[in-house]
C-alpha cells in the first residue's frame, strides 16, 4: 500500500525500510509529523496555484 500511493511519506519513527522507500520522511508522530507534512503540502499547493493564476492573467 505504501508504494501504491502517489507520494509516500514516512513518519520519523517508522522502520528504516519505509524511510528508505519514502519520498519524504517527516517528524515523529509525537512531534506532529502529519500536521507538518500537510502544512508543507498546503504551502506548495498555494504557491503552485498563485503561479498558475499568474500565468493565466498574462496569457
Protein backbone atom coordinates (compact mmCIF):
# COMPACT_ATOMS: atom_id res chain seq x y z
CA UNK A 1 0.00 0.00 0.00
CA UNK A 2 2.82 2.40 0.83
CA UNK A 3 4.34 2.00 -2.62
CA UNK A 4 0.98 2.44 -4.40
CA UNK A 5 0.24 5.92 -3.08
CA UNK A 6 1.30 8.87 -5.19
CA UNK A 7 3.77 10.40 -2.75
CA UNK A 8 4.77 8.14 0.16
CA UNK A 9 5.75 9.93 3.36
CA UNK A 10 7.21 8.05 6.32
CA UNK A 11 6.99 9.16 9.92
CA UNK A 12 10.25 9.90 11.67
CA UNK A 13 9.76 6.92 13.96
CA UNK A 14 8.92 4.50 11.09
CA UNK A 15 11.04 1.43 10.40
CA UNK A 16 14.15 2.08 8.32
CA UNK A 17 12.82 0.12 5.32
CA UNK A 18 9.87 2.52 4.98
CA UNK A 19 12.07 5.56 5.40
CA UNK A 20 14.31 4.27 2.63
CA UNK A 21 11.49 3.95 0.06
CA UNK A 22 9.61 7.10 1.10
CA UNK A 23 9.76 10.27 -0.96
CA UNK A 24 9.87 12.23 2.27
CA UNK A 25 10.46 11.50 5.96
CA UNK A 26 8.64 13.80 8.34
CA UNK A 27 8.88 14.30 12.08
CA UNK A 28 7.66 11.68 14.55
CA UNK A 29 4.02 11.22 15.48
CA UNK A 30 4.75 12.69 18.92
CA UNK A 31 6.07 15.85 17.25
CA UNK A 32 3.10 16.45 14.89
CA UNK A 33 4.75 14.92 11.83
CA UNK A 34 1.46 14.51 9.96
CA UNK A 35 0.47 18.12 10.59
CA UNK A 36 3.87 19.36 9.45
CA UNK A 37 3.66 17.38 6.22
CA UNK A 38 0.13 18.54 5.47
CA UNK A 39 1.14 22.13 6.14
CA UNK A 40 4.10 21.79 3.75
CA UNK A 41 1.84 20.35 1.03
CA UNK A 42 -0.64 23.16 1.60
CA UNK A 43 2.12 25.72 1.15
CA UNK A 44 3.32 24.05 -2.06
CA UNK A 45 -0.22 23.93 -3.47
CA UNK A 46 -0.80 27.57 -2.58
CA UNK A 47 2.40 28.62 -4.33
CA UNK A 48 1.55 26.50 -7.40
CA UNK A 49 -1.97 27.92 -7.51
CA UNK A 50 -0.67 31.51 -7.43
CA UNK A 51 1.79 30.77 -10.25
CA UNK A 52 -0.93 29.11 -12.32
CA UNK A 53 -3.30 32.06 -11.98
CA UNK A 54 -0.49 34.50 -12.75
CA UNK A 55 0.24 32.62 -15.98
CA UNK A 56 -3.45 32.75 -16.92
CA UNK A 57 -3.54 36.52 -16.41
CA UNK A 58 -0.53 37.02 -18.67
CA UNK A 59 -1.90 34.88 -21.50
